[in-house]
Amino acid sequence: MISALTAALAIVVQDHAALRAAPRSNAAELTQLWQGELLEVRGEHAGYLKVYDYRRERGGYLREDASRPLDVSETAAPELLAVLRFLRQSSGSEALGISYGAAYLKAIPPRAMTAEPLDAIAQMAERLADQASGSANPVADVAPHLEVVEQFGVRMRNFERNGRMRVCYDGELFRRVLALPGARPEERARAALGLTRPDCINPDLSPGLRASIDTERAQLLDLVKDAELSALMRSRLHARRAGVWASVAYADDRRGGPAGAAAERALAELIAVHPDDLGEDRRLEYLDALLRVSAIRWAGTLPAAQPGPLTLSAAPGDPGQTCVALADARRPRATSVIRRCTYGIVRMASIRVIPEGPAMVLAVQPLESWRELWVFHQKAGEWTIDVLPPGLDNPEEGYVDFAGYAPGTRRLLIAKELKDRGRFRRSFEELRLDDLALVRQASSPELLRDFGRWQDIAWRRDTLALH
């Protein structure tokens, strides 16, 4: 992880520090240096240090106030640790903190190793990756900071997710924390959370490899004991477990295996979260878990009998496809009146009949955290199938629930939640059944009159949209 450090070193503490050809402010600028960079000191003159930059293979002069001398002897270890503790939570100083962390690891003997410096460096590396992804307190000079920390063995992984580049810390030091027998419970919990982030899974993985990774994530999270954690960390752990077990349930369903146990575990973990313990900064973790668990709500649930006369049946289509057909028993030979195929998981347990429509609704899950609602209804006397997605423009996660039907106004009641560009939105809507045009929309069902009178009892009992 940490490359060799030698004596007579200085660490750059300012960004855009000029390395000049001579010890003068008007001398030619050779390059710019960044916080956290290590330089070998070879002399001193007129308020400047004569230094050599091994990374760029270039020497020059740097103002003394732009750097600090660095002692990596064992006697200097307590002072280095104090600086590391000071910088570990300072946003924008991650490269500098990682550099001091590397110096501390060089200074201490192996017998004195604890999880604290590894935990601190890993946290700063994770935060730096988030800044590079534009998802947390963007820092203008994050690209050169990534180059600085790379010299200490801090590695990042890059891939595209939802049209944007995602940068993730590879987690080496988190793994070392989990391997240390003396690591404290909070340090182990942070390591497990760092290694199980859903946004740091390559979206291009094959289904089999992704299922294997989800199983490993679930096992890793179960290694952490809840009892010794703070209320905040306990709720974070439950929220992460809920999302991971939702992924496991989806993978089980995809393979045609039993998904009920994983789905029940996901719901139990979500219920164990205390959102108030998370505060504003971490509440998004709970909302993300809630969407993931909601998306697999029907996993492992057996379909109920369909009394007719309208019935839906599912049968295999082309390889990987499931085809759904609507039959009307009142027609001769009960032939199918309409049929549609999908590569998604068809949730037959979600079927709801609307006799007054007449109409039927069905939940279909094409992706792990994305569930749509199919509406079978008549338009101009002909049966049609319309798909209601949680949102448009390629949002990240979401689901749509059938919430009821108002016969007097022929309005379909639905609830939806989605995550779009990191922001969560929840809405309750009334749609005209004939053309599914939006009539009314509100952030709470109490604001819609038809919701108060006609919402589906089973939906109100089971939905997570009323959290």
Protein backbone atom coordinates (compact mmCIF):
# COMPACT_ATOMS: atom_id res chain seq x y z
CA MET A 1 0.00 0.00 0.00
CA ILE A 2 2.62 2.58 1.02
CA SER A 3 5.81 3.17 -0.99
CA ALA A 4 9.16 3.66 0.74
CA LEU A 5 9.86 7.00 2.38
CA THR A 6 13.32 8.29 3.20
CA ALA A 7 14.81 11.05 5.35
CA ALA A 8 15.16 14.75 4.37
CA LEU A 9 11.63 14.95 3.06
CA ALA A 10 9.08 17.74 2.81
CA ILE A 11 5.37 17.46 2.20
CA VAL A 12 3.54 20.05 0.11
CA VAL A 13 0.61 21.57 2.04
CA GLN A 14 -0.80 23.96 -0.58
CA ASP A 15 -2.41 23.45 -3.96
CA HIS A 16 -0.98 25.25 -6.99
CA ALA A 17 2.40 25.62 -5.26
CA ALA A 18 4.90 26.80 -7.85
CA LEU A 19 8.12 24.85 -8.38
CA ARG A 20 10.52 27.43 -9.80
CA ALA A 21 13.82 27.31 -11.62
CA ALA A 22 15.51 29.63 -9.10
CA PRO A 23 14.85 30.85 -5.53
CA ARG A 24 12.97 33.94 -6.69
CA SER A 25 9.28 34.73 -7.09
CA ASN A 26 9.87 35.96 -10.65
CA ALA A 27 11.84 32.88 -11.71
CA ALA A 28 10.36 30.60 -14.35
CA GLU A 29 7.65 28.27 -13.06
CA LEU A 30 8.58 24.69 -13.90
CA THR A 31 5.35 23.05 -12.72
CA GLN A 32 2.62 23.27 -10.12
CA LEU A 33 2.63 21.07 -7.04
CA TRP A 34 -0.34 19.82 -5.03
CA GLN A 35 -1.04 19.16 -1.39
CA GLY A 36 0.25 15.80 -0.23
CA GLU A 37 3.13 15.59 -2.69
CA LEU A 38 6.46 14.36 -1.28
CA LEU A 39 9.72 16.04 -2.17
CA GLU A 40 13.33 15.37 -1.28
CA VAL A 41 14.95 18.41 0.32
CA ARG A 42 18.49 19.08 -0.97
CA GLY A 43 19.17 22.54 0.36
CA GLU A 44 17.79 25.90 1.50
CA HIS A 45 18.28 29.42 0.15
CA ALA A 46 16.57 32.78 0.73
CA GLY A 47 13.29 31.39 2.04
CA TYR A 48 13.17 28.67 -0.59
CA LEU A 49 13.85 24.95 -0.39
CA LYS A 50 15.87 23.29 -3.09
CA VAL A 51 13.89 20.10 -3.76
CA TYR A 52 13.69 17.17 -6.10
CA ASP A 53 10.38 15.66 -7.23
CA TYR A 54 10.91 11.96 -7.97
CA ARG A 55 7.41 11.56 -9.41
CA ARG A 56 8.11 14.11 -12.13
CA GLU A 57 11.89 13.53 -12.13
CA ARG A 58 12.49 17.23 -11.82
CA GLY A 59 14.25 19.51 -9.38
CA GLY A 60 13.58 23.14 -8.49
CA TYR A 61 12.86 25.64 -5.74
CA LEU A 62 9.76 25.83 -3.54
CA ARG A 63 8.81 28.47 -1.00
CA GLU A 64 9.29 27.20 2.54
CA ASP A 65 5.75 28.14 3.63
CA ALA A 66 4.27 25.87 0.91
CA SER A 67 5.63 22.73 2.59
CA ARG A 68 6.38 21.18 5.96
CA PRO A 69 9.39 19.07 6.91
CA LEU A 70 8.55 15.41 7.28
CA ASP A 71 10.15 13.16 9.85
CA VAL A 72 9.36 9.46 9.49
CA SER A 73 11.37 8.21 12.44
CA GLU A 74 9.64 6.19 15.16
CA THR A 75 9.86 9.09 17.59
CA ALA A 76 7.85 11.28 15.21
CA ALA A 77 4.97 8.78 14.96
CA PRO A 78 2.75 10.38 17.67
CA GLU A 79 2.96 13.78 15.97
CA LEU A 80 2.15 12.27 12.57
CA LEU A 81 -0.84 10.47 14.05
CA ALA A 82 -2.12 13.71 15.58
CA VAL A 83 -2.01 15.40 12.16
CA LEU A 84 -3.75 12.41 10.58
CA ARG A 85 -6.54 12.59 13.15
CA PHE A 86 -6.94 16.29 12.46
CA LEU A 87 -7.16 15.87 8.69
CA ARG A 88 -9.26 12.70 8.45
CA GLN A 89 -12.59 14.60 8.51
CA SER A 90 -11.41 17.70 6.62
CA SER A 91 -13.14 17.76 3.26
CA GLY A 92 -10.78 18.94 0.53
CA SER A 93 -7.66 17.81 2.42
CA GLU A 94 -7.86 14.13 1.56
CA ALA A 95 -4.61 14.01 -0.44
CA LEU A 96 -2.74 15.75 2.36
CA GLY A 97 -4.26 13.45 4.99
CA ILE A 98 -3.40 10.32 3.01
CA SER A 99 0.18 11.55 2.64
CA TYR A 100 0.51 12.03 6.41
CA GLY A 101 -1.11 8.64 6.91
CA ALA A 102 1.53 7.05 4.67
CA ALA A 103 4.25 8.77 6.67
CA TYR A 104 2.78 7.48 9.93
CA LEU A 105 2.65 3.90 8.62
CA LYS A 106 6.30 4.23 7.64
CA ALA A 107 7.26 5.58 11.07
CA ILE A 108 5.62 3.00 13.35
CA PRO A 109 7.06 -0.49 13.87
CA PRO A 110 4.90 -3.44 12.69
CA ARG A 111 4.14 -4.45 16.29
CA ALA A 112 2.43 -1.08 16.89
CA MET A 113 0.05 -1.37 13.92
CA THR A 114 -3.63 -0.71 14.68
CA ALA A 115 -6.67 -0.31 12.48
CA GLU A 116 -6.99 3.43 13.14
CA PRO A 117 -4.59 4.77 10.44
CA LEU A 118 -5.84 2.25 7.89
CA ASP A 119 -9.43 3.24 8.64
CA ALA A 120 -8.59 6.94 8.36
CA ILE A 121 -6.76 6.59 5.03
CA ALA A 122 -9.53 4.40 3.60
CA GLN A 123 -12.20 6.91 4.60
CA MET A 124 -10.30 9.75 2.94
CA ALA A 125 -9.74 7.67 -0.20
CA GLU A 126 -13.45 6.87 -0.36
CA ARG A 127 -14.36 10.54 0.09
CA LEU A 128 -11.87 11.56 -2.62
CA ALA A 129 -13.46 9.04 -5.01
CA ASP A 130 -16.91 10.49 -4.26
CA GLN A 131 -15.61 13.97 -5.03
CA ALA A 132 -14.16 12.73 -8.32
CA SER A 133 -17.58 11.29 -9.18
CA GLY A 134 -19.25 14.61 -8.47
CA SER A 135 -21.50 13.05 -5.85
CA ALA A 136 -20.22 14.68 -2.64
CA ASN A 137 -18.85 18.21 -2.08
CA PRO A 138 -17.01 18.57 -5.40
CA VAL A 139 -13.43 19.81 -5.12
CA ALA A 140 -11.92 21.73 -8.02
CA ASP A 141 -8.49 20.04 -7.93
CA VAL A 142 -9.64 16.47 -7.42
CA ALA A 143 -7.87 15.09 -10.53
CA PRO A 144 -4.33 16.03 -9.41
CA HIS A 145 -5.21 14.87 -5.89
CA LEU A 146 -5.99 11.43 -7.32
CA GLU A 147 -2.54 11.40 -8.95
CA VAL A 148 -0.93 12.35 -5.63
CA VAL A 149 -2.51 9.53 -3.64
CA GLU A 150 -1.73 6.98 -6.33
CA GLN A 151 1.97 7.20 -5.40
CA PHE A 152 1.03 5.76 -1.98
CA GLY A 153 -0.74 2.76 -3.49
CA VAL A 154 -4.28 4.14 -3.22
CA ARG A 155 -6.04 2.69 -6.25
CA MET A 156 -9.29 3.75 -7.84
CA ARG A 157 -11.66 1.94 -10.20
CA ASN A 158 -13.56 3.78 -12.95
CA PHE A 159 -16.68 2.79 -14.86
CA GLU A 160 -19.72 4.44 -16.43
CA ARG A 161 -23.04 4.33 -14.58
CA ASN A 162 -26.22 5.98 -15.87
CA GLY A 163 -24.27 8.03 -18.38
CA ARG A 164 -21.82 9.41 -15.80
CA MET A 165 -18.33 8.36 -14.81
CA ARG A 166 -18.15 6.69 -11.40
CA VAL A 167 -14.88 6.63 -9.46
CA CYS A 168 -14.57 4.17 -6.57
CA TYR A 169 -11.83 3.37 -4.09
CA ASP A 170 -10.73 -0.26 -4.53
CA GLY A 171 -11.07 -0.92 -0.77
CA GLU A 172 -7.68 -2.52 -0.03
CA LEU A 173 -7.32 -0.83 3.36
CA PHE A 174 -10.92 -1.62 4.31
CA ARG A 175 -10.05 -5.29 3.80
CA ARG A 176 -6.95 -4.92 5.97
CA VAL A 177 -9.08 -3.36 8.71
CA LEU A 178 -11.42 -6.36 8.68
CA ALA A 179 -8.41 -8.71 8.83
CA LEU A 180 -6.95 -7.04 11.95
CA PRO A 181 -8.14 -8.85 15.10
CA GLY A 182 -7.87 -5.69 17.21
CA ALA A 183 -10.07 -3.51 14.98
CA ARG A 184 -12.86 -1.75 16.90
CA PRO A 185 -16.52 -2.49 16.02
CA GLU A 186 -17.06 0.95 14.44
CA GLU A 187 -13.93 0.53 12.29
CA ARG A 188 -15.10 -2.90 11.16
CA ALA A 189 -18.56 -1.53 10.37
CA ARG A 190 -17.12 1.32 8.28
CA ALA A 191 -14.95 -1.16 6.42
CA ALA A 192 -17.92 -3.42 5.66
CA LEU A 193 -19.97 -0.46 4.44
CA GLY A 194 -17.08 0.74 2.28
CA LEU A 195 -16.75 -2.68 0.64
CA THR A 196 -20.48 -3.18 -0.06
CA ARG A 197 -21.50 0.08 -1.74
CA PRO A 198 -24.09 -0.62 -4.47
CA ASP A 199 -22.92 2.34 -6.55
CA CYS A 200 -19.43 0.84 -6.76
CA ILE A 201 -20.50 -2.37 -8.48
CA ASN A 202 -19.67 -2.47 -12.17
CA PRO A 203 -23.04 -2.40 -14.00
CA ASP A 204 -21.57 -4.43 -16.88
CA LEU A 205 -21.02 -7.57 -14.80
CA SER A 206 -22.71 -10.77 -15.96
CA PRO A 207 -25.76 -11.86 -13.90
CA GLY A 208 -23.86 -14.84 -12.47
CA LEU A 209 -20.88 -12.78 -11.32
CA ARG A 210 -23.16 -10.08 -9.94
CA ALA A 211 -25.12 -12.68 -7.93
CA SER A 212 -21.84 -14.02 -6.52
CA ILE A 213 -20.76 -10.52 -5.48
CA ASP A 214 -24.12 -9.89 -3.78
CA THR A 215 -23.77 -13.10 -1.80
CA GLU A 216 -20.28 -12.04 -0.68
CA ARG A 217 -21.61 -8.61 0.29
CA ALA A 218 -24.32 -10.18 2.45
CA GLN A 219 -21.78 -12.44 4.18
CA LEU A 220 -19.41 -9.53 4.75
CA LEU A 221 -22.09 -7.40 6.41
CA ASP A 222 -23.12 -10.27 8.66
CA LEU A 223 -19.57 -10.42 10.05
CA VAL A 224 -20.20 -7.13 11.86
CA LYS A 225 -21.96 -7.42 15.23
CA ASP A 226 -24.65 -4.81 15.81
CA ALA A 227 -24.64 -4.74 19.61
CA GLU A 228 -21.43 -2.74 20.06
CA LEU A 229 -22.18 -0.08 17.44
CA SER A 230 -23.53 3.44 17.83
CA ALA A 231 -27.17 4.05 16.91
CA LEU A 232 -26.09 5.81 13.70
CA MET A 233 -23.81 2.98 12.57
CA ARG A 234 -26.39 0.33 13.48
CA SER A 235 -29.03 1.96 11.29
CA ARG A 236 -26.54 2.41 8.44
CA LEU A 237 -25.67 -1.27 8.65
CA HIS A 238 -29.34 -2.33 8.64
CA ALA A 239 -30.06 -0.09 5.65
CA ARG A 240 -27.14 -1.53 3.69
CA ARG A 241 -28.14 -5.09 4.55
CA ALA A 242 -31.69 -4.37 3.39
CA GLY A 243 -30.44 -3.23 -0.01
CA VAL A 244 -28.03 -6.15 -0.36
CA TRP A 245 -30.65 -8.77 0.55
CA ALA A 246 -33.02 -7.17 -1.95
CA SER A 247 -30.34 -7.76 -4.59
CA VAL A 248 -29.96 -11.37 -3.44
CA ALA A 249 -33.73 -11.89 -3.69
CA TYR A 250 -33.76 -10.50 -7.23
CA ALA A 251 -30.89 -12.78 -8.26
CA ASP A 252 -32.63 -15.81 -6.73
CA ASP A 253 -35.81 -14.96 -8.62
CA ARG A 254 -33.87 -14.47 -11.84
CA ARG A 255 -32.43 -17.98 -11.56
CA GLY A 256 -35.85 -19.43 -10.81
CA GLY A 257 -34.91 -20.30 -7.23
CA PRO A 258 -36.76 -19.56 -3.98
CA ALA A 259 -36.54 -15.84 -3.25
CA GLY A 260 -38.92 -15.58 -0.29
CA ALA A 261 -36.31 -15.94 2.48
CA ALA A 262 -34.04 -13.25 1.00
CA ALA A 263 -37.00 -10.91 0.46
CA GLU A 264 -38.16 -11.39 4.05
CA ARG A 265 -34.64 -10.71 5.33
CA ALA A 266 -34.49 -7.51 3.27
CA LEU A 267 -37.78 -6.29 4.74
CA ALA A 268 -36.73 -7.21 8.30
CA GLU A 269 -33.47 -5.28 7.94
CA LEU A 270 -35.32 -2.25 6.56
CA ILE A 271 -37.78 -2.28 9.47
CA ALA A 272 -34.80 -2.35 11.88
CA VAL A 273 -33.58 1.00 10.56
CA HIS A 274 -34.35 4.05 12.72
CA PRO A 275 -34.34 6.90 10.18
CA ASP A 276 -34.07 9.58 12.89
CA ASP A 277 -30.74 8.08 13.98
CA LEU A 278 -29.28 8.64 10.52
CA GLY A 279 -29.69 12.42 10.47
CA GLU A 280 -29.93 14.46 7.29
CA ASP A 281 -26.50 13.44 5.97
CA ARG A 282 -27.22 9.70 5.97
CA ARG A 283 -30.97 9.66 5.34
CA LEU A 284 -30.37 9.06 1.64
CA GLU A 285 -28.91 5.66 2.50
CA TYR A 286 -32.24 4.70 4.06
CA LEU A 287 -34.24 5.99 1.08
CA ASP A 288 -32.02 4.05 -1.30
CA ALA A 289 -32.58 0.85 0.69
CA LEU A 290 -36.33 1.53 0.80
CA LEU A 291 -36.53 1.80 -2.99
CA ARG A 292 -34.53 -1.40 -3.46
CA VAL A 293 -36.71 -3.35 -1.04
CA SER A 294 -39.90 -1.92 -2.56
CA ALA A 295 -38.79 -2.99 -6.03
CA ILE A 296 -38.66 -6.67 -4.96
CA ARG A 297 -41.84 -6.45 -2.85
CA TRP A 298 -43.53 -9.38 -4.66
CA ALA A 299 -40.48 -11.69 -4.70
CA GLY A 300 -41.28 -15.11 -3.31
CA THR A 301 -45.02 -14.36 -3.03
CA LEU A 302 -47.38 -16.99 -4.47
CA PRO A 303 -50.10 -15.72 -6.83
CA ALA A 304 -53.71 -15.87 -5.68
CA ALA A 305 -56.44 -17.68 -7.58
CA GLN A 306 -58.09 -15.65 -10.35
CA PRO A 307 -61.89 -16.08 -10.22
CA GLY A 308 -62.41 -14.69 -13.71
CA PRO A 309 -63.87 -13.95 -16.13
CA LEU A 310 -60.64 -12.06 -16.91
CA THR A 311 -57.50 -14.10 -16.21
CA LEU A 312 -53.80 -13.57 -16.82
CA SER A 313 -51.43 -16.40 -17.59
CA ALA A 314 -47.66 -16.47 -18.02
CA ALA A 315 -45.66 -18.80 -20.26
CA PRO A 316 -42.08 -18.95 -21.59
CA GLY A 317 -41.44 -17.09 -24.82
CA ASP A 318 -38.12 -16.71 -26.62
CA PRO A 319 -35.04 -17.63 -24.53
CA GLY A 320 -35.08 -15.45 -21.41
CA GLN A 321 -38.56 -14.08 -22.07
CA THR A 322 -41.86 -14.47 -20.24
CA CYS A 323 -45.08 -13.88 -22.17
CA VAL A 324 -48.28 -12.76 -20.47
CA ALA A 325 -51.68 -13.36 -22.02
CA LEU A 326 -55.08 -11.97 -21.02
CA ALA A 327 -58.04 -14.30 -21.55
CA ASP A 328 -61.75 -13.55 -21.27
CA ALA A 329 -63.87 -16.54 -20.22
CA ARG A 330 -66.95 -14.89 -21.73
CA ARG A 331 -65.51 -15.29 -25.20
CA PRO A 332 -65.77 -18.52 -27.14
CA ARG A 333 -63.00 -20.96 -26.16
CA ALA A 334 -61.61 -18.35 -23.78
CA THR A 335 -59.06 -17.21 -26.34
CA SER A 336 -56.40 -14.66 -25.47
CA VAL A 337 -57.49 -11.11 -26.21
CA ILE A 338 -53.98 -9.64 -25.90
CA ARG A 339 -50.44 -10.89 -25.28
CA ARG A 340 -47.09 -9.29 -24.48
CA CYS A 341 -43.59 -10.61 -23.74
CA THR A 342 -40.82 -9.24 -21.53
CA TYR A 343 -37.31 -10.06 -20.33
CA GLY A 344 -38.26 -8.77 -16.90
CA ILE A 345 -39.60 -10.76 -13.95
CA VAL A 346 -43.39 -10.98 -14.12
CA ARG A 347 -44.86 -10.68 -10.61
CA MET A 348 -48.01 -12.78 -10.96
CA ALA A 349 -48.80 -12.30 -7.25
CA SER A 350 -49.34 -8.60 -7.95
CA ILE A 351 -52.33 -9.10 -10.26
CA ARG A 352 -55.31 -6.93 -9.36
CA VAL A 353 -58.61 -7.09 -11.23
CA ILE A 354 -60.72 -3.98 -11.73
CA PRO A 355 -64.16 -5.38 -12.68
CA GLU A 356 -65.70 -1.92 -13.15
CA GLY A 357 -63.03 -1.02 -15.70
CA PRO A 358 -62.85 -3.63 -16.92
CA ALA A 359 -59.10 -3.71 -16.41
CA MET A 360 -56.20 -5.56 -14.76
CA VAL A 361 -52.84 -4.42 -13.44
CA LEU A 362 -49.59 -6.38 -13.16
CA ALA A 363 -46.16 -5.54 -11.71
CA VAL A 364 -43.16 -6.33 -13.92
CA GLN A 365 -39.57 -5.95 -12.74
CA PRO A 366 -37.10 -5.58 -15.63
CA LEU A 367 -34.16 -4.57 -13.41
CA GLU A 368 -32.98 -5.18 -9.88
CA SER A 369 -34.21 -1.84 -8.54
CA TRP A 370 -36.78 -0.93 -11.19
CA ARG A 371 -40.42 -2.10 -11.15
CA GLU A 372 -43.07 -1.03 -13.65
CA LEU A 373 -46.85 -1.38 -13.72
CA TRP A 374 -48.58 -2.92 -16.72
CA VAL A 375 -52.19 -1.81 -17.20
CA PHE A 376 -54.50 -4.01 -19.28
CA HIS A 377 -57.52 -1.95 -20.31
CA GLN A 378 -59.83 -1.21 -23.21
CA LYS A 379 -59.39 1.73 -25.53
CA ALA A 380 -61.98 2.36 -28.24
CA GLY A 381 -63.35 -1.12 -27.61
CA GLU A 382 -59.99 -2.85 -28.09
CA TRP A 383 -57.76 -4.27 -25.36
CA THR A 384 -54.37 -2.66 -24.94
CA ILE A 385 -51.43 -2.82 -22.56
CA ASP A 386 -49.83 0.38 -21.32
CA VAL A 387 -46.63 0.42 -19.26
CA LEU A 388 -46.31 2.89 -16.39
CA PRO A 389 -42.63 3.37 -15.50
CA PRO A 390 -41.50 5.07 -12.27
CA GLY A 391 -39.93 7.89 -14.27
CA LEU A 392 -38.44 8.98 -17.58
CA ASP A 393 -35.01 10.12 -18.82
CA ASN A 394 -33.13 7.10 -17.48
CA PRO A 395 -33.49 7.56 -13.70
CA GLU A 396 -31.51 5.23 -11.44
CA GLU A 397 -34.08 3.39 -9.29
CA GLY A 398 -37.81 3.35 -8.78
CA TYR A 399 -41.10 1.48 -8.59
CA VAL A 400 -44.80 1.98 -9.29
CA ASP A 401 -47.57 0.59 -7.08
CA PHE A 402 -51.23 0.08 -7.90
CA ALA A 403 -52.97 1.84 -5.01
CA GLY A 404 -56.65 1.57 -5.90
CA TYR A 405 -59.41 2.47 -8.31
CA ALA A 406 -62.16 5.11 -8.09
CA PRO A 407 -65.15 3.71 -10.07
CA GLY A 408 -67.20 6.91 -10.06
CA THR A 409 -64.49 8.92 -11.82
CA ARG A 410 -62.84 5.91 -13.56
CA ARG A 411 -59.50 6.88 -12.14
CA LEU A 412 -56.57 4.62 -11.45
CA LEU A 413 -54.71 5.41 -8.21
CA ILE A 414 -50.97 4.83 -8.23
CA ALA A 415 -47.99 5.55 -5.97
CA LYS A 416 -44.45 5.90 -7.25
CA GLU A 417 -40.99 6.60 -5.89
CA LEU A 418 -37.78 7.08 -7.82
CA LYS A 419 -34.18 8.14 -7.53
CA ASP A 420 -33.02 10.45 -10.30
CA ARG A 421 -29.51 11.95 -10.33
CA GLY A 422 -29.13 11.25 -6.64
CA ARG A 423 -32.43 12.88 -5.65
CA PHE A 424 -35.46 10.96 -4.34
CA ARG A 425 -39.02 11.82 -5.33
CA ARG A 426 -42.31 10.31 -4.16
CA SER A 427 -45.71 11.05 -5.65
CA PHE A 428 -49.31 9.85 -5.57
CA GLU A 429 -51.30 10.18 -8.76
CA GLU A 430 -54.81 9.84 -10.20
CA LEU A 431 -54.85 8.68 -13.84
CA ARG A 432 -57.80 8.40 -16.22
CA LEU A 433 -58.21 4.70 -16.92
CA ASP A 434 -59.24 5.26 -20.55
CA ASP A 435 -55.97 6.89 -21.67
CA LEU A 436 -53.85 6.93 -18.44
CA ALA A 437 -53.59 10.71 -18.62
CA LEU A 438 -52.55 12.39 -15.38
CA VAL A 439 -55.47 14.10 -13.65
CA ARG A 440 -54.05 14.96 -10.23
CA GLN A 441 -50.76 14.54 -8.44
CA ALA A 442 -49.67 15.18 -4.85
CA SER A 443 -46.82 14.43 -2.47
CA SER A 444 -49.20 12.84 0.05
CA PRO A 445 -52.29 10.64 -0.47
CA GLU A 446 -54.24 12.76 2.02
CA LEU A 447 -54.17 15.60 -0.53
CA LEU A 448 -56.14 13.56 -3.08
CA ARG A 449 -59.84 12.99 -2.42
CA ASP A 450 -60.15 9.70 -4.30
CA PHE A 451 -57.19 8.25 -2.39
CA GLY A 452 -58.97 8.81 0.88
CA ARG A 453 -62.04 6.86 -0.22
CA TRP A 454 -60.89 4.29 -2.78
CA GLN A 455 -57.34 3.26 -1.95
CA ASP A 456 -56.74 -0.48 -2.01
CA ILE A 457 -56.73 -2.05 1.47
CA ALA A 458 -53.99 -4.57 0.61
CA TRP A 459 -51.82 -1.79 -0.81
CA ARG A 460 -52.18 0.35 2.30
CA ARG A 461 -51.28 -2.64 4.49
CA ASP A 462 -48.19 -3.72 2.56
CA THR A 463 -46.76 -0.67 0.81
CA LEU A 464 -43.57 1.06 1.86
CA ALA A 465 -44.60 4.28 0.09
CA LEU A 466 -46.22 5.58 3.30
CA HIS A 467 -42.96 5.54 5.27
